[in-house]
Amino acid sequence: MIFSDFSKALGQLGDSRFRRVLFMGLGLTIALLVALTVVLVFLLGLVLPETVSLPWIGDIAWLDSLASWALVAVMLVLSPFLMVPVSVAFMGIFLDEVAGAVEERHYPQLPPARNVTVMEGLRDSIGLIIVTVLVNVLALGMSFFIGPLAPILFWIVNGYLIGREFFHLAAMRRSWA
């Protein structure tokens, strides 16, 4: 059953509704991470002085530039870890559209799904963001102990979280209580 459903999902990747959600989620994720980096560099520039005077050395005028570039490097290193929770949060907003496409193509015999309200979707997305960030922070801490197996841990953890979110969305759409 899992392999059958997986092959159905792969077969539907060409669906314009799938691609739209994927590209919107990735685009918004990259935009948010770039904006966050720009804001952090700006705030760092407000905090750090333009020149620092050190005894026996004199004035140093490049410390703020060094700190800004270091922050950009840190954000580039953290981006693979931040991409998953942020993209899941953005894609969670649009998952109702994907679920509708799947049900229309593979389960046309089902009655129409109930509409999930914006507040329900927002509450669910916020909960998912919190859980995803906490679990990814735990996985990041564990990655220091498992070394080269860390990417596998992240795939397992995030695959589970995303699968759980998809299941929860389907349950929300199909619960009539």
N, C-alpha and C. Protein backbone atom coordinates (compact mmCIF):
# COMPACT_ATOMS: atom_id res chain seq x y z
N MET A 1 0.82 -1.19 0.00
CA MET A 1 0.00 0.00 0.00
C MET A 1 0.87 1.26 0.00
N ILE A 2 1.92 1.29 0.80
CA ILE A 2 2.78 2.46 0.87
C ILE A 2 3.46 2.70 -0.48
N PHE A 3 3.99 1.64 -1.08
CA PHE A 3 4.67 1.79 -2.36
C PHE A 3 3.70 2.19 -3.46
N SER A 4 2.49 1.68 -3.41
CA SER A 4 1.47 2.05 -4.38
C SER A 4 1.13 3.54 -4.26
N ASP A 5 0.92 4.00 -3.03
CA ASP A 5 0.61 5.41 -2.81
C ASP A 5 1.80 6.30 -3.18
N PHE A 6 3.01 5.83 -2.89
CA PHE A 6 4.20 6.58 -3.24
C PHE A 6 4.32 6.73 -4.76
N SER A 7 4.05 5.65 -5.48
CA SER A 7 4.13 5.72 -6.94
C SER A 7 3.02 6.62 -7.50
N LYS A 8 1.86 6.64 -6.86
CA LYS A 8 0.80 7.56 -7.28
C LYS A 8 1.24 9.01 -7.09
N ALA A 9 1.89 9.28 -5.96
CA ALA A 9 2.37 10.64 -5.68
C ALA A 9 3.42 11.05 -6.71
N LEU A 10 4.35 10.15 -7.01
CA LEU A 10 5.37 10.46 -8.03
C LEU A 10 4.73 10.71 -9.38
N GLY A 11 3.71 9.94 -9.69
CA GLY A 11 3.02 10.11 -10.97
C GLY A 11 2.28 11.42 -11.07
N GLN A 12 1.96 12.03 -9.96
CA GLN A 12 1.19 13.27 -9.97
C GLN A 12 2.08 14.51 -9.81
N LEU A 13 3.39 14.34 -9.78
CA LEU A 13 4.29 15.49 -9.64
C LEU A 13 4.17 16.47 -10.80
N GLY A 14 3.71 16.01 -11.94
CA GLY A 14 3.52 16.90 -13.08
C GLY A 14 2.29 17.78 -12.97
N ASP A 15 1.42 17.49 -12.02
CA ASP A 15 0.19 18.27 -11.82
C ASP A 15 0.55 19.72 -11.49
N SER A 16 -0.09 20.64 -12.16
CA SER A 16 0.23 22.06 -11.97
C SER A 16 -0.04 22.52 -10.54
N ARG A 17 -1.02 21.92 -9.87
CA ARG A 17 -1.30 22.31 -8.48
C ARG A 17 -0.17 21.85 -7.55
N PHE A 18 0.43 20.69 -7.84
CA PHE A 18 1.57 20.23 -7.06
C PHE A 18 2.75 21.18 -7.26
N ARG A 19 3.05 21.46 -8.53
CA ARG A 19 4.21 22.32 -8.83
C ARG A 19 4.02 23.72 -8.25
N ARG A 20 2.82 24.24 -8.31
CA ARG A 20 2.55 25.58 -7.79
C ARG A 20 2.86 25.64 -6.30
N VAL A 21 2.38 24.66 -5.54
CA VAL A 21 2.63 24.63 -4.10
C VAL A 21 4.12 24.44 -3.82
N LEU A 22 4.77 23.57 -4.57
CA LEU A 22 6.19 23.33 -4.38
C LEU A 22 6.99 24.60 -4.64
N PHE A 23 6.75 25.25 -5.77
CA PHE A 23 7.53 26.44 -6.10
C PHE A 23 7.20 27.62 -5.19
N MET A 24 5.93 27.75 -4.80
CA MET A 24 5.59 28.83 -3.86
C MET A 24 6.26 28.58 -2.51
N GLY A 25 6.22 27.33 -2.04
CA GLY A 25 6.85 27.02 -0.76
C GLY A 25 8.35 27.26 -0.78
N LEU A 26 9.01 26.79 -1.83
CA LEU A 26 10.46 27.00 -1.94
C LEU A 26 10.81 28.47 -2.12
N GLY A 27 10.05 29.17 -2.95
CA GLY A 27 10.31 30.60 -3.17
C GLY A 27 10.13 31.41 -1.89
N LEU A 28 9.03 31.17 -1.19
CA LEU A 28 8.79 31.89 0.07
C LEU A 28 9.84 31.54 1.12
N THR A 29 10.28 30.29 1.14
CA THR A 29 11.31 29.87 2.09
C THR A 29 12.62 30.60 1.82
N ILE A 30 13.04 30.61 0.58
CA ILE A 30 14.29 31.30 0.23
C ILE A 30 14.17 32.79 0.51
N ALA A 31 13.03 33.38 0.15
CA ALA A 31 12.82 34.81 0.40
C ALA A 31 12.88 35.12 1.90
N LEU A 32 12.26 34.27 2.71
CA LEU A 32 12.28 34.52 4.16
C LEU A 32 13.69 34.38 4.72
N LEU A 33 14.43 33.37 4.30
CA LEU A 33 15.79 33.20 4.82
C LEU A 33 16.71 34.33 4.37
N VAL A 34 16.56 34.80 3.14
CA VAL A 34 17.35 35.94 2.67
C VAL A 34 16.97 37.20 3.45
N ALA A 35 15.68 37.42 3.63
CA ALA A 35 15.22 38.59 4.39
C ALA A 35 15.72 38.53 5.83
N LEU A 36 15.68 37.36 6.44
CA LEU A 36 16.17 37.20 7.80
C LEU A 36 17.66 37.52 7.89
N THR A 37 18.43 37.06 6.91
CA THR A 37 19.86 37.35 6.88
C THR A 37 20.11 38.85 6.73
N VAL A 38 19.38 39.51 5.84
CA VAL A 38 19.54 40.94 5.63
C VAL A 38 19.21 41.71 6.91
N VAL A 39 18.11 41.33 7.56
CA VAL A 39 17.72 42.01 8.81
C VAL A 39 18.77 41.79 9.90
N LEU A 40 19.27 40.57 10.03
CA LEU A 40 20.29 40.30 11.05
C LEU A 40 21.59 41.05 10.78
N VAL A 41 22.00 41.14 9.51
CA VAL A 41 23.20 41.91 9.17
C VAL A 41 22.97 43.39 9.47
N PHE A 42 21.78 43.90 9.16
CA PHE A 42 21.46 45.29 9.47
C PHE A 42 21.50 45.54 10.98
N LEU A 43 20.88 44.65 11.76
CA LEU A 43 20.89 44.81 13.22
C LEU A 43 22.30 44.70 13.78
N LEU A 44 23.10 43.82 13.22
CA LEU A 44 24.49 43.69 13.65
C LEU A 44 25.25 44.98 13.36
N GLY A 45 24.97 45.60 12.21
CA GLY A 45 25.59 46.87 11.87
C GLY A 45 25.21 47.98 12.83
N LEU A 46 24.02 47.92 13.38
CA LEU A 46 23.60 48.93 14.37
C LEU A 46 24.31 48.74 15.71
N VAL A 47 24.61 47.50 16.04
CA VAL A 47 25.20 47.20 17.34
C VAL A 47 26.71 47.41 17.33
N LEU A 48 27.37 47.00 16.27
CA LEU A 48 28.83 47.09 16.21
C LEU A 48 29.28 48.49 15.78
N PRO A 49 30.32 49.01 16.43
CA PRO A 49 30.84 50.31 16.00
C PRO A 49 31.62 50.17 14.69
N GLU A 50 31.75 51.31 13.97
CA GLU A 50 32.48 51.28 12.71
C GLU A 50 33.97 51.06 12.92
N THR A 51 34.50 51.61 13.98
CA THR A 51 35.92 51.41 14.30
C THR A 51 36.06 51.00 15.75
N VAL A 52 37.06 50.17 15.99
CA VAL A 52 37.38 49.73 17.34
C VAL A 52 38.85 50.07 17.57
N SER A 53 39.12 50.66 18.71
CA SER A 53 40.50 51.03 19.03
C SER A 53 41.07 50.01 20.00
N LEU A 54 42.14 49.34 19.58
CA LEU A 54 42.80 48.34 20.42
C LEU A 54 44.18 48.85 20.84
N PRO A 55 44.54 48.62 22.10
CA PRO A 55 45.88 49.05 22.52
C PRO A 55 46.97 48.33 21.73
N TRP A 56 48.04 49.00 21.44
CA TRP A 56 49.21 48.51 20.71
C TRP A 56 48.93 48.22 19.23
N ILE A 57 47.66 48.21 18.84
CA ILE A 57 47.33 47.93 17.44
C ILE A 57 46.79 49.19 16.77
N GLY A 58 45.92 49.90 17.44
CA GLY A 58 45.32 51.11 16.89
C GLY A 58 43.88 50.87 16.49
N ASP A 59 43.42 51.68 15.56
CA ASP A 59 42.03 51.61 15.12
C ASP A 59 41.85 50.49 14.10
N ILE A 60 40.78 49.73 14.28
CA ILE A 60 40.40 48.67 13.35
C ILE A 60 39.05 49.05 12.78
N ALA A 61 38.99 49.20 11.46
CA ALA A 61 37.76 49.66 10.82
C ALA A 61 37.01 48.55 10.11
N TRP A 62 37.53 47.36 10.09
CA TRP A 62 36.93 46.28 9.31
C TRP A 62 36.19 45.25 10.17
N LEU A 63 36.11 45.47 11.49
CA LEU A 63 35.48 44.48 12.37
C LEU A 63 34.00 44.29 12.05
N ASP A 64 33.28 45.35 11.75
CA ASP A 64 31.85 45.22 11.43
C ASP A 64 31.65 44.47 10.12
N SER A 65 32.52 44.69 9.15
CA SER A 65 32.42 43.95 7.89
C SER A 65 32.71 42.47 8.10
N LEU A 66 33.71 42.17 8.90
CA LEU A 66 34.04 40.78 9.20
C LEU A 66 32.87 40.08 9.90
N ALA A 67 32.27 40.76 10.87
CA ALA A 67 31.14 40.18 11.60
C ALA A 67 29.94 39.97 10.66
N SER A 68 29.70 40.91 9.75
CA SER A 68 28.59 40.78 8.82
C SER A 68 28.80 39.59 7.89
N TRP A 69 30.00 39.44 7.34
CA TRP A 69 30.29 38.31 6.46
C TRP A 69 30.25 37.00 7.22
N ALA A 70 30.68 37.01 8.47
CA ALA A 70 30.61 35.80 9.29
C ALA A 70 29.16 35.41 9.53
N LEU A 71 28.29 36.39 9.76
CA LEU A 71 26.87 36.11 9.95
C LEU A 71 26.26 35.52 8.67
N VAL A 72 26.63 36.05 7.52
CA VAL A 72 26.14 35.50 6.26
C VAL A 72 26.60 34.05 6.12
N ALA A 73 27.87 33.77 6.47
CA ALA A 73 28.39 32.39 6.40
C ALA A 73 27.62 31.48 7.35
N VAL A 74 27.33 31.96 8.56
CA VAL A 74 26.57 31.16 9.53
C VAL A 74 25.18 30.86 8.99
N MET A 75 24.54 31.86 8.38
CA MET A 75 23.21 31.63 7.82
C MET A 75 23.26 30.64 6.65
N LEU A 76 24.32 30.68 5.86
CA LEU A 76 24.46 29.71 4.77
C LEU A 76 24.63 28.30 5.31
N VAL A 77 25.35 28.16 6.42
CA VAL A 77 25.54 26.85 7.04
C VAL A 77 24.23 26.37 7.69
N LEU A 78 23.51 27.29 8.31
CA LEU A 78 22.27 26.92 8.99
C LEU A 78 21.09 26.73 8.02
N SER A 79 21.18 27.28 6.82
CA SER A 79 20.06 27.22 5.88
C SER A 79 19.55 25.81 5.60
N PRO A 80 20.43 24.82 5.39
CA PRO A 80 19.87 23.48 5.16
C PRO A 80 19.04 22.97 6.34
N PHE A 81 19.41 23.38 7.54
CA PHE A 81 18.65 22.95 8.72
C PHE A 81 17.38 23.77 8.88
N LEU A 82 17.43 25.04 8.48
CA LEU A 82 16.27 25.92 8.61
C LEU A 82 15.28 25.75 7.46
N MET A 83 15.77 25.28 6.31
CA MET A 83 14.91 25.16 5.13
C MET A 83 13.73 24.23 5.38
N VAL A 84 13.97 23.13 6.04
CA VAL A 84 12.89 22.14 6.20
C VAL A 84 11.75 22.70 7.05
N PRO A 85 12.01 23.21 8.27
CA PRO A 85 10.86 23.70 9.03
C PRO A 85 10.17 24.90 8.38
N VAL A 86 10.94 25.77 7.77
CA VAL A 86 10.33 26.95 7.15
C VAL A 86 9.52 26.55 5.91
N SER A 87 10.08 25.68 5.07
CA SER A 87 9.34 25.27 3.87
C SER A 87 8.11 24.44 4.23
N VAL A 88 8.22 23.61 5.26
CA VAL A 88 7.06 22.84 5.71
C VAL A 88 5.96 23.78 6.19
N ALA A 89 6.35 24.83 6.88
CA ALA A 89 5.35 25.79 7.37
C ALA A 89 4.65 26.48 6.20
N PHE A 90 5.43 26.93 5.21
CA PHE A 90 4.81 27.59 4.06
C PHE A 90 3.98 26.63 3.24
N MET A 91 4.50 25.43 3.01
CA MET A 91 3.74 24.47 2.21
C MET A 91 2.50 24.00 2.96
N GLY A 92 2.56 23.99 4.29
CA GLY A 92 1.40 23.61 5.09
C GLY A 92 0.21 24.52 4.84
N ILE A 93 0.50 25.77 4.50
CA ILE A 93 -0.57 26.72 4.21
C ILE A 93 -1.32 26.32 2.94
N PHE A 94 -0.60 25.73 1.98
CA PHE A 94 -1.18 25.42 0.68
C PHE A 94 -1.51 23.94 0.49
N LEU A 95 -1.36 23.13 1.52
CA LEU A 95 -1.55 21.69 1.37
C LEU A 95 -2.98 21.30 1.02
N ASP A 96 -3.93 22.11 1.38
CA ASP A 96 -5.32 21.81 1.07
C ASP A 96 -5.50 21.69 -0.44
N GLU A 97 -4.80 22.52 -1.19
CA GLU A 97 -4.87 22.47 -2.65
C GLU A 97 -4.30 21.15 -3.18
N VAL A 98 -3.19 20.69 -2.60
CA VAL A 98 -2.59 19.42 -3.02
C VAL A 98 -3.52 18.27 -2.66
N ALA A 99 -4.08 18.31 -1.47
CA ALA A 99 -5.00 17.24 -1.06
C ALA A 99 -6.20 17.18 -2.00
N GLY A 100 -6.70 18.33 -2.40
CA GLY A 100 -7.81 18.35 -3.35
C GLY A 100 -7.45 17.74 -4.69
N ALA A 101 -6.22 18.01 -5.15
CA ALA A 101 -5.77 17.44 -6.42
C ALA A 101 -5.64 15.92 -6.33
N VAL A 102 -5.11 15.43 -5.21
CA VAL A 102 -4.95 13.98 -5.02
C VAL A 102 -6.32 13.31 -4.96
N GLU A 103 -7.23 13.87 -4.19
CA GLU A 103 -8.56 13.27 -4.06
C GLU A 103 -9.31 13.30 -5.39
N GLU A 104 -9.15 14.37 -6.13
CA GLU A 104 -9.83 14.48 -7.43
C GLU A 104 -9.33 13.42 -8.41
N ARG A 105 -8.03 13.16 -8.39
CA ARG A 105 -7.46 12.23 -9.37
C ARG A 105 -7.57 10.77 -8.93
N HIS A 106 -7.27 10.48 -7.66
CA HIS A 106 -7.16 9.09 -7.21
C HIS A 106 -8.37 8.59 -6.40
N TYR A 107 -9.16 9.51 -5.87
CA TYR A 107 -10.31 9.11 -5.05
C TYR A 107 -11.55 9.90 -5.44
N PRO A 108 -11.96 9.83 -6.71
CA PRO A 108 -13.10 10.64 -7.15
C PRO A 108 -14.43 10.20 -6.53
N GLN A 109 -14.47 8.98 -5.98
CA GLN A 109 -15.71 8.48 -5.40
C GLN A 109 -16.01 9.09 -4.02
N LEU A 110 -15.04 9.76 -3.42
CA LEU A 110 -15.26 10.36 -2.10
C LEU A 110 -16.19 11.57 -2.21
N PRO A 111 -17.00 11.77 -1.19
CA PRO A 111 -17.83 12.99 -1.20
C PRO A 111 -16.93 14.22 -1.03
N PRO A 112 -17.44 15.39 -1.34
CA PRO A 112 -16.62 16.60 -1.19
C PRO A 112 -16.11 16.74 0.24
N ALA A 113 -14.86 17.18 0.36
CA ALA A 113 -14.26 17.37 1.68
C ALA A 113 -14.77 18.67 2.28
N ARG A 114 -14.76 18.70 3.60
CA ARG A 114 -15.16 19.95 4.25
C ARG A 114 -14.02 20.95 4.09
N ASN A 115 -14.37 22.22 4.03
CA ASN A 115 -13.36 23.26 3.91
C ASN A 115 -12.71 23.49 5.27
N VAL A 116 -11.40 23.49 5.28
CA VAL A 116 -10.65 23.79 6.49
C VAL A 116 -10.54 25.31 6.56
N THR A 117 -10.96 25.88 7.69
CA THR A 117 -10.94 27.34 7.81
C THR A 117 -9.50 27.84 7.88
N VAL A 118 -9.33 29.11 7.60
CA VAL A 118 -8.00 29.73 7.65
C VAL A 118 -7.43 29.62 9.05
N MET A 119 -8.27 29.83 10.04
CA MET A 119 -7.79 29.76 11.44
C MET A 119 -7.34 28.34 11.79
N GLU A 120 -8.08 27.33 11.33
CA GLU A 120 -7.67 25.94 11.58
C GLU A 120 -6.33 25.66 10.91
N GLY A 121 -6.20 26.09 9.67
CA GLY A 121 -4.96 25.88 8.94
C GLY A 121 -3.80 26.62 9.56
N LEU A 122 -4.04 27.86 10.00
CA LEU A 122 -2.98 28.66 10.64
C LEU A 122 -2.56 28.04 11.96
N ARG A 123 -3.55 27.64 12.76
CA ARG A 123 -3.24 27.00 14.05
C ARG A 123 -2.44 25.71 13.84
N ASP A 124 -2.85 24.95 12.85
CA ASP A 124 -2.15 23.71 12.55
C ASP A 124 -0.73 23.98 12.06
N SER A 125 -0.55 24.99 11.21
CA SER A 125 0.78 25.34 10.71
C SER A 125 1.70 25.83 11.82
N ILE A 126 1.16 26.63 12.73
CA ILE A 126 1.98 27.12 13.84
C ILE A 126 2.41 25.96 14.73
N GLY A 127 1.48 25.06 15.01
CA GLY A 127 1.85 23.87 15.80
C GLY A 127 2.91 23.04 15.11
N LEU A 128 2.77 22.88 13.79
CA LEU A 128 3.75 22.11 13.03
C LEU A 128 5.11 22.81 13.07
N ILE A 129 5.14 24.12 12.93
CA ILE A 129 6.40 24.86 12.98
C ILE A 129 7.09 24.62 14.31
N ILE A 130 6.35 24.73 15.40
CA ILE A 130 6.94 24.57 16.73
C ILE A 130 7.50 23.15 16.89
N VAL A 131 6.72 22.15 16.54
CA VAL A 131 7.17 20.76 16.67
C VAL A 131 8.38 20.51 15.77
N THR A 132 8.32 21.00 14.53
CA THR A 132 9.41 20.77 13.58
C THR A 132 10.70 21.43 14.06
N VAL A 133 10.61 22.66 14.54
CA VAL A 133 11.82 23.34 15.03
C VAL A 133 12.39 22.60 16.23
N LEU A 134 11.55 22.22 17.19
CA LEU A 134 12.04 21.52 18.38
C LEU A 134 12.68 20.18 18.02
N VAL A 135 12.03 19.42 17.16
CA VAL A 135 12.58 18.11 16.78
C VAL A 135 13.87 18.28 15.98
N ASN A 136 13.93 19.29 15.10
CA ASN A 136 15.14 19.52 14.33
C ASN A 136 16.29 20.01 15.20
N VAL A 137 15.99 20.79 16.23
CA VAL A 137 17.05 21.19 17.18
C VAL A 137 17.58 19.97 17.91
N LEU A 138 16.69 19.09 18.32
CA LEU A 138 17.14 17.83 18.95
C LEU A 138 17.98 17.00 17.98
N ALA A 139 17.53 16.91 16.74
CA ALA A 139 18.29 16.15 15.74
C ALA A 139 19.64 16.80 15.47
N LEU A 140 19.69 18.12 15.47
CA LEU A 140 20.96 18.82 15.28
C LEU A 140 21.92 18.49 16.43
N GLY A 141 21.40 18.48 17.65
CA GLY A 141 22.24 18.10 18.79
C GLY A 141 22.73 16.67 18.69
N MET A 142 21.88 15.78 18.22
CA MET A 142 22.28 14.38 18.08
C MET A 142 23.26 14.18 16.93
N SER A 143 23.22 15.09 15.94
CA SER A 143 24.09 14.91 14.78
C SER A 143 25.56 15.01 15.14
N PHE A 144 25.89 15.67 16.24
CA PHE A 144 27.29 15.75 16.66
C PHE A 144 27.79 14.38 17.13
N PHE A 145 26.87 13.53 17.58
CA PHE A 145 27.26 12.22 18.08
C PHE A 145 27.24 11.13 17.00
N ILE A 146 26.46 11.36 15.94
CA ILE A 146 26.35 10.32 14.92
C ILE A 146 27.12 10.65 13.65
N GLY A 147 27.72 11.82 13.60
CA GLY A 147 28.63 12.20 12.52
C GLY A 147 28.03 12.12 11.13
N PRO A 148 28.62 11.29 10.28
CA PRO A 148 28.19 11.26 8.88
C PRO A 148 26.78 10.71 8.67
N LEU A 149 26.19 10.12 9.68
CA LEU A 149 24.81 9.62 9.55
C LEU A 149 23.77 10.71 9.81
N ALA A 150 24.23 11.93 10.13
CA ALA A 150 23.31 13.03 10.45
C ALA A 150 22.31 13.32 9.33
N PRO A 151 22.72 13.35 8.05
CA PRO A 151 21.71 13.60 7.02
C PRO A 151 20.60 12.55 7.00
N ILE A 152 20.94 11.31 7.28
CA ILE A 152 19.93 10.26 7.32
C ILE A 152 18.95 10.52 8.46
N LEU A 153 19.47 10.94 9.61
CA LEU A 153 18.60 11.28 10.74
C LEU A 153 17.65 12.41 10.36
N PHE A 154 18.15 13.45 9.69
CA PHE A 154 17.30 14.56 9.29
C PHE A 154 16.24 14.11 8.28
N TRP A 155 16.60 13.24 7.34
CA TRP A 155 15.61 12.74 6.39
C TRP A 155 14.52 11.95 7.10
N ILE A 156 14.91 11.10 8.03
CA ILE A 156 13.93 10.28 8.76
C ILE A 156 13.01 11.17 9.59
N VAL A 157 13.61 12.08 10.35
CA VAL A 157 12.83 12.95 11.25
C VAL A 157 11.86 13.81 10.44
N ASN A 158 12.37 14.47 9.42
CA ASN A 158 11.53 15.37 8.65
C ASN A 158 10.55 14.63 7.76
N GLY A 159 10.93 13.46 7.27
CA GLY A 159 9.98 12.64 6.52
C GLY A 159 8.81 12.24 7.39
N TYR A 160 9.11 11.85 8.63
CA TYR A 160 8.04 11.50 9.57
C TYR A 160 7.14 12.71 9.84
N LEU A 161 7.76 13.86 10.12
CA LEU A 161 6.97 15.05 10.45
C LEU A 161 6.10 15.49 9.28
N ILE A 162 6.64 15.47 8.08
CA ILE A 162 5.86 15.87 6.91
C ILE A 162 4.75 14.86 6.64
N GLY A 163 5.06 13.58 6.75
CA GLY A 163 4.02 12.56 6.57
C GLY A 163 2.92 12.69 7.60
N ARG A 164 3.30 12.98 8.84
CA ARG A 164 2.31 13.18 9.89
C ARG A 164 1.42 14.37 9.59
N GLU A 165 2.02 15.45 9.06
CA GLU A 165 1.25 16.63 8.71
C GLU A 165 0.28 16.34 7.58
N PHE A 166 0.72 15.59 6.57
CA PHE A 166 -0.18 15.24 5.47
C PHE A 166 -1.34 14.39 5.97
N PHE A 167 -1.06 13.45 6.83
CA PHE A 167 -2.12 12.62 7.40
C PHE A 167 -3.10 13.47 8.20
N HIS A 168 -2.56 14.38 9.00
CA HIS A 168 -3.40 15.25 9.82
C HIS A 168 -4.29 16.13 8.93
N LEU A 169 -3.73 16.63 7.83
CA LEU A 169 -4.52 17.45 6.92
C LEU A 169 -5.67 16.65 6.33
N ALA A 170 -5.36 15.43 5.89
CA ALA A 170 -6.42 14.58 5.32
C ALA A 170 -7.48 14.29 6.37
N ALA A 171 -7.07 14.05 7.60
CA ALA A 171 -8.03 13.79 8.67
C ALA A 171 -8.89 15.01 8.95
N MET A 172 -8.29 16.20 8.92
CA MET A 172 -9.06 17.43 9.15
C MET A 172 -10.09 17.63 8.05
N ARG A 173 -9.71 17.34 6.81
CA ARG A 173 -10.62 17.53 5.66
C ARG A 173 -11.76 16.52 5.69
N ARG A 174 -11.52 15.34 6.23
CA ARG A 174 -12.50 14.26 6.18
C ARG A 174 -13.26 14.06 7.48
N SER A 175 -12.91 14.80 8.54
CA SER A 175 -13.65 14.62 9.80
C SER A 175 -14.90 15.50 9.72
N TRP A 176 -16.02 14.96 10.07
CA TRP A 176 -17.28 15.69 9.99
C TRP A 176 -17.82 16.04 11.36
N ALA A 177 -17.00 15.79 12.38
CA ALA A 177 -17.47 16.06 13.75
C ALA A 177 -17.39 17.52 14.06
